[in-house]
Amino acid sequence: MLNLILTHTPIWVWALLVALLWLGYSQTFSRTASLKRITVMPLAMIGLSLFGTVSVFGSDPKILLAWLVAGILMFSLVLRKTNFAASKYDAEKRLFSLSGSWIPLVLIIGIFVTKYVVGFMTAMQPALVHDFNFALFFVALYGAFSGVFLGRAAGLWRMAFQPEKLLTMV
């Protein structure tokens, strides 16, 4: 069965996985990044997450609310609990110095696997699209991933625009 699933997956999905793995792996090394780059990745991941939600489960307000609530909860948690002291912002150069982290890779894989599993399960059992509990679980997962990405970016934005706030967090 697994062999059938994997062999019937379009080639472009595997190419996308390789590109996402490369992107996530590149985040494991210390690097510099502009504010634009810090902003683009979370927004892209949020867009993919919301697209994954709406394209499969529709735009029912309860579904979107579940996505939003999960995102806000994870955003708050990440913003409060993440230590941004290892990152530095050079206001003159307008660049962040970031230490490597495996978290983006894990999040990217999480979103990919979630989208893959939802696609597979709904292809095998189309009625699952209308199962509220099924939808709620995966929508909340999408929202949580988005919240983590946004929380990490917001911590860096705060460092760039309100450096005094960072001192109170450490």
C-alpha atoms as a PDB file:
ATOM      1  CA  MET A   1       0.000   0.000   0.000  1.00  0.00           C
ATOM      2  CA  LEU A   2       2.767   2.456   0.937  1.00  0.00           C
ATOM      3  CA  ASN A   3       4.506   1.655  -2.334  1.00  0.00           C
ATOM      4  CA  LEU A   4       1.308   2.533  -4.249  1.00  0.00           C
ATOM      5  CA  ILE A   5       0.963   5.815  -2.378  1.00  0.00           C
ATOM      6  CA  LEU A   6       4.546   6.832  -3.037  1.00  0.00           C
ATOM      7  CA  THR A   7       4.596   5.780  -6.690  1.00  0.00           C
ATOM      8  CA  HIS A   8       1.340   7.601  -7.443  1.00  0.00           C
ATOM      9  CA  THR A   9       2.602  10.836  -5.944  1.00  0.00           C
ATOM     10  CA  PRO A  10       3.395  13.310  -8.746  1.00  0.00           C
ATOM     11  CA  ILE A  11       7.081  14.046  -9.398  1.00  0.00           C
ATOM     12  CA  TRP A  12       6.582  17.763  -8.698  1.00  0.00           C
ATOM     13  CA  VAL A  13       5.646  16.908  -5.081  1.00  0.00           C
ATOM     14  CA  TRP A  14       9.016  15.218  -4.572  1.00  0.00           C
ATOM     15  CA  ALA A  15      10.782  18.172  -6.222  1.00  0.00           C
ATOM     16  CA  LEU A  16       8.934  20.501  -3.856  1.00  0.00           C
ATOM     17  CA  LEU A  17       9.965  18.352  -0.897  1.00  0.00           C
ATOM     18  CA  VAL A  18      13.623  18.518  -1.939  1.00  0.00           C
ATOM     19  CA  ALA A  19      13.428  22.314  -2.289  1.00  0.00           C
ATOM     20  CA  LEU A  20      11.734  22.640   1.108  1.00  0.00           C
ATOM     21  CA  LEU A  21      14.290  20.334   2.733  1.00  0.00           C
ATOM     22  CA  TRP A  22      17.096  22.435   1.260  1.00  0.00           C
ATOM     23  CA  LEU A  23      15.435  25.628   2.529  1.00  0.00           C
ATOM     24  CA  GLY A  24      14.955  24.191   6.005  1.00  0.00           C
ATOM     25  CA  TYR A  25      18.448  22.706   6.134  1.00  0.00           C
ATOM     26  CA  SER A  26      19.958  26.045   5.128  1.00  0.00           C
ATOM     27  CA  GLN A  27      18.435  27.478   8.307  1.00  0.00           C
ATOM     28  CA  THR A  28      20.555  25.157  10.471  1.00  0.00           C
ATOM     29  CA  PHE A  29      23.688  27.231   9.827  1.00  0.00           C
ATOM     30  CA  SER A  30      24.598  30.608  11.277  1.00  0.00           C
ATOM     31  CA  ARG A  31      23.831  33.319   8.762  1.00  0.00           C
ATOM     32  CA  THR A  32      22.870  36.903   8.211  1.00  0.00           C
ATOM     33  CA  ALA A  33      19.456  37.908   6.950  1.00  0.00           C
ATOM     34  CA  SER A  34      17.675  41.119   6.113  1.00  0.00           C
ATOM     35  CA  LEU A  35      14.374  42.170   7.603  1.00  0.00           C
ATOM     36  CA  LYS A  36      12.776  41.362   4.245  1.00  0.00           C
ATOM     37  CA  ARG A  37      14.053  37.792   4.333  1.00  0.00           C
ATOM     38  CA  ILE A  38      12.952  37.399   7.956  1.00  0.00           C
ATOM     39  CA  THR A  39       9.484  38.513   6.858  1.00  0.00           C
ATOM     40  CA  VAL A  40       9.062  36.621   3.579  1.00  0.00           C
ATOM     41  CA  MET A  41       9.450  33.059   4.866  1.00  0.00           C
ATOM     42  CA  PRO A  42       6.835  33.272   7.655  1.00  0.00           C
ATOM     43  CA  LEU A  43       4.392  35.028   5.343  1.00  0.00           C
ATOM     44  CA  ALA A  44       4.921  32.374   2.664  1.00  0.00           C
ATOM     45  CA  MET A  45       4.418  29.570   5.185  1.00  0.00           C
ATOM     46  CA  ILE A  46       1.291  31.263   6.568  1.00  0.00           C
ATOM     47  CA  GLY A  47      -0.027  31.647   3.022  1.00  0.00           C
ATOM     48  CA  LEU A  48       0.598  27.965   2.279  1.00  0.00           C
ATOM     49  CA  SER A  49      -1.003  26.984   5.569  1.00  0.00           C
ATOM     50  CA  LEU A  50      -4.103  29.070   4.947  1.00  0.00           C
ATOM     51  CA  PHE A  51      -4.284  27.852   1.349  1.00  0.00           C
ATOM     52  CA  GLY A  52      -4.039  24.254   2.584  1.00  0.00           C
ATOM     53  CA  THR A  53      -6.886  24.939   4.985  1.00  0.00           C
ATOM     54  CA  VAL A  54      -9.239  26.702   2.578  1.00  0.00           C
ATOM     55  CA  SER A  55      -8.502  24.509  -0.452  1.00  0.00           C
ATOM     56  CA  VAL A  56      -9.477  21.338   1.401  1.00  0.00           C
ATOM     57  CA  PHE A  57     -11.900  22.382   4.126  1.00  0.00           C
ATOM     58  CA  GLY A  58     -13.409  25.548   2.669  1.00  0.00           C
ATOM     59  CA  SER A  59     -13.879  28.944   4.253  1.00  0.00           C
ATOM     60  CA  ASP A  60     -16.443  28.048   6.905  1.00  0.00           C
ATOM     61  CA  PRO A  61     -16.045  30.644   9.707  1.00  0.00           C
ATOM     62  CA  LYS A  62     -15.650  27.878  12.337  1.00  0.00           C
ATOM     63  CA  ILE A  63     -12.804  26.351  10.351  1.00  0.00           C
ATOM     64  CA  LEU A  64     -11.059  29.691   9.877  1.00  0.00           C
ATOM     65  CA  LEU A  65     -11.586  30.544  13.550  1.00  0.00           C
ATOM     66  CA  ALA A  66      -9.953  27.259  14.594  1.00  0.00           C
ATOM     67  CA  TRP A  67      -6.971  28.049  12.341  1.00  0.00           C
ATOM     68  CA  LEU A  68      -6.735  31.563  13.779  1.00  0.00           C
ATOM     69  CA  VAL A  69      -7.067  30.513  17.431  1.00  0.00           C
ATOM     70  CA  ALA A  70      -4.380  27.827  17.082  1.00  0.00           C
ATOM     71  CA  GLY A  71      -2.139  30.339  15.322  1.00  0.00           C
ATOM     72  CA  ILE A  72      -2.621  32.998  18.002  1.00  0.00           C
ATOM     73  CA  LEU A  73      -1.971  30.519  20.809  1.00  0.00           C
ATOM     74  CA  MET A  74       1.282  29.297  19.279  1.00  0.00           C
ATOM     75  CA  PHE A  75       2.303  32.838  18.320  1.00  0.00           C
ATOM     76  CA  SER A  76       1.888  33.966  21.956  1.00  0.00           C
ATOM     77  CA  LEU A  77       3.710  30.958  23.332  1.00  0.00           C
ATOM     78  CA  VAL A  78       6.651  31.244  20.948  1.00  0.00           C
ATOM     79  CA  LEU A  79       6.990  34.985  21.423  1.00  0.00           C
ATOM     80  CA  ARG A  80       7.067  34.574  25.215  1.00  0.00           C
ATOM     81  CA  LYS A  81       9.204  31.443  25.477  1.00  0.00           C
ATOM     82  CA  THR A  82      11.776  31.834  22.709  1.00  0.00           C
ATOM     83  CA  ASN A  83      15.137  33.241  23.726  1.00  0.00           C
ATOM     84  CA  PHE A  84      16.252  35.641  21.013  1.00  0.00           C
ATOM     85  CA  ALA A  85      19.500  36.518  22.791  1.00  0.00           C
ATOM     86  CA  ALA A  86      21.540  34.397  20.357  1.00  0.00           C
ATOM     87  CA  SER A  87      20.372  36.643  17.525  1.00  0.00           C
ATOM     88  CA  LYS A  88      21.713  40.136  16.967  1.00  0.00           C
ATOM     89  CA  TYR A  89      20.489  43.016  14.853  1.00  0.00           C
ATOM     90  CA  ASP A  90      22.911  45.481  13.270  1.00  0.00           C
ATOM     91  CA  ALA A  91      20.858  48.655  12.748  1.00  0.00           C
ATOM     92  CA  GLU A  92      23.562  50.247  10.589  1.00  0.00           C
ATOM     93  CA  LYS A  93      23.724  47.362   8.130  1.00  0.00           C
ATOM     94  CA  ARG A  94      20.063  46.487   8.704  1.00  0.00           C
ATOM     95  CA  LEU A  95      21.000  42.820   9.026  1.00  0.00           C
ATOM     96  CA  PHE A  96      20.309  40.123  11.577  1.00  0.00           C
ATOM     97  CA  SER A  97      23.010  37.713  12.683  1.00  0.00           C
ATOM     98  CA  LEU A  98      21.201  34.466  13.333  1.00  0.00           C
ATOM     99  CA  SER A  99      22.451  31.288  14.876  1.00  0.00           C
ATOM    100  CA  GLY A 100      21.488  28.076  13.126  1.00  0.00           C
ATOM    101  CA  SER A 101      18.325  26.313  14.178  1.00  0.00           C
ATOM    102  CA  TRP A 102      16.649  23.044  13.278  1.00  0.00           C
ATOM    103  CA  ILE A 103      13.218  24.467  14.144  1.00  0.00           C
ATOM    104  CA  PRO A 104      12.449  25.885  10.670  1.00  0.00           C
ATOM    105  CA  LEU A 105      13.306  22.534   9.063  1.00  0.00           C
ATOM    106  CA  VAL A 106      11.037  20.692  11.487  1.00  0.00           C
ATOM    107  CA  LEU A 107       8.210  23.176  10.851  1.00  0.00           C
ATOM    108  CA  ILE A 108       8.616  22.970   7.073  1.00  0.00           C
ATOM    109  CA  ILE A 109       8.573  19.169   7.179  1.00  0.00           C
ATOM    110  CA  GLY A 110       5.572  19.324   9.506  1.00  0.00           C
ATOM    111  CA  ILE A 111       3.591  21.468   7.086  1.00  0.00           C
ATOM    112  CA  PHE A 112       4.580  19.285   4.122  1.00  0.00           C
ATOM    113  CA  VAL A 113       3.684  16.035   5.893  1.00  0.00           C
ATOM    114  CA  THR A 114       0.397  17.512   7.115  1.00  0.00           C
ATOM    115  CA  LYS A 115      -0.546  18.610   3.598  1.00  0.00           C
ATOM    116  CA  TYR A 116       0.513  15.217   2.198  1.00  0.00           C
ATOM    117  CA  VAL A 117      -1.460  13.253   4.805  1.00  0.00           C
ATOM    118  CA  VAL A 118      -4.563  15.401   4.351  1.00  0.00           C
ATOM    119  CA  GLY A 119      -4.315  15.006   0.575  1.00  0.00           C
ATOM    120  CA  PHE A 120      -3.899  11.253   0.826  1.00  0.00           C
ATOM    121  CA  MET A 121      -6.645  10.735   3.397  1.00  0.00           C
ATOM    122  CA  THR A 122      -9.177  12.912   1.604  1.00  0.00           C
ATOM    123  CA  ALA A 123      -8.376  11.219  -1.717  1.00  0.00           C
ATOM    124  CA  MET A 124      -8.996   7.813  -0.138  1.00  0.00           C
ATOM    125  CA  GLN A 125     -12.076   8.948   1.817  1.00  0.00           C
ATOM    126  CA  PRO A 126     -13.543  12.142   0.299  1.00  0.00           C
ATOM    127  CA  ALA A 127     -16.208  12.343   3.014  1.00  0.00           C
ATOM    128  CA  LEU A 128     -13.489  13.297   5.520  1.00  0.00           C
ATOM    129  CA  VAL A 129     -13.522  16.800   4.053  1.00  0.00           C
ATOM    130  CA  HIS A 130     -16.923  17.249   5.731  1.00  0.00           C
ATOM    131  CA  ASP A 131     -15.973  15.603   9.035  1.00  0.00           C
ATOM    132  CA  PHE A 132     -15.681  18.509  11.479  1.00  0.00           C
ATOM    133  CA  ASN A 133     -13.383  16.693  13.933  1.00  0.00           C
ATOM    134  CA  PHE A 134     -11.010  15.657  11.151  1.00  0.00           C
ATOM    135  CA  ALA A 135     -11.013  19.193   9.779  1.00  0.00           C
ATOM    136  CA  LEU A 136     -10.577  20.747  13.225  1.00  0.00           C
ATOM    137  CA  PHE A 137      -7.489  18.655  13.980  1.00  0.00           C
ATOM    138  CA  PHE A 138      -5.686  19.440  10.740  1.00  0.00           C
ATOM    139  CA  VAL A 139      -6.786  23.066  10.578  1.00  0.00           C
ATOM    140  CA  ALA A 140      -5.524  23.624  14.125  1.00  0.00           C
ATOM    141  CA  LEU A 141      -2.245  21.971  13.140  1.00  0.00           C
ATOM    142  CA  TYR A 142      -1.907  24.301  10.135  1.00  0.00           C
ATOM    143  CA  GLY A 143      -2.700  27.273  12.368  1.00  0.00           C
ATOM    144  CA  ALA A 144      -0.196  26.176  15.008  1.00  0.00           C
ATOM    145  CA  PHE A 145       2.593  25.904  12.426  1.00  0.00           C
ATOM    146  CA  SER A 146       1.724  29.398  11.205  1.00  0.00           C
ATOM    147  CA  GLY A 147       1.768  30.774  14.721  1.00  0.00           C
ATOM    148  CA  VAL A 148       5.223  29.371  15.384  1.00  0.00           C
ATOM    149  CA  PHE A 149       6.642  30.890  12.198  1.00  0.00           C
ATOM    150  CA  LEU A 150       5.024  34.242  12.929  1.00  0.00           C
ATOM    151  CA  GLY A 151       6.094  34.217  16.592  1.00  0.00           C
ATOM    152  CA  ARG A 152       9.719  33.622  15.681  1.00  0.00           C
ATOM    153  CA  ALA A 153       9.614  36.419  13.094  1.00  0.00           C
ATOM    154  CA  ALA A 154       7.851  38.803  15.489  1.00  0.00           C
ATOM    155  CA  GLY A 155      10.582  38.302  18.074  1.00  0.00           C
ATOM    156  CA  LEU A 156      13.145  39.368  15.500  1.00  0.00           C
ATOM    157  CA  TRP A 157      11.010  42.301  14.324  1.00  0.00           C
ATOM    158  CA  ARG A 158      10.788  43.450  17.926  1.00  0.00           C
ATOM    159  CA  MET A 159      14.564  43.230  18.162  1.00  0.00           C
ATOM    160  CA  ALA A 160      14.919  45.467  15.113  1.00  0.00           C
ATOM    161  CA  PHE A 161      12.279  48.037  16.025  1.00  0.00           C
ATOM    162  CA  GLN A 162      12.216  47.935  19.830  1.00  0.00           C
ATOM    163  CA  PRO A 163      15.596  46.719  21.093  1.00  0.00           C
ATOM    164  CA  GLU A 164      14.746  47.764  24.661  1.00  0.00           C
ATOM    165  CA  LYS A 165      11.937  45.155  24.734  1.00  0.00           C
ATOM    166  CA  LEU A 166      14.462  42.396  24.135  1.00  0.00           C
ATOM    167  CA  LEU A 167      16.366  43.301  27.279  1.00  0.00           C
ATOM    168  CA  THR A 168      13.260  42.659  29.367  1.00  0.00           C
ATOM    169  CA  MET A 169      12.799  39.200  27.795  1.00  0.00           C
ATOM    170  CA  VAL A 170      16.264  37.820  28.510  1.00  0.00           C
END
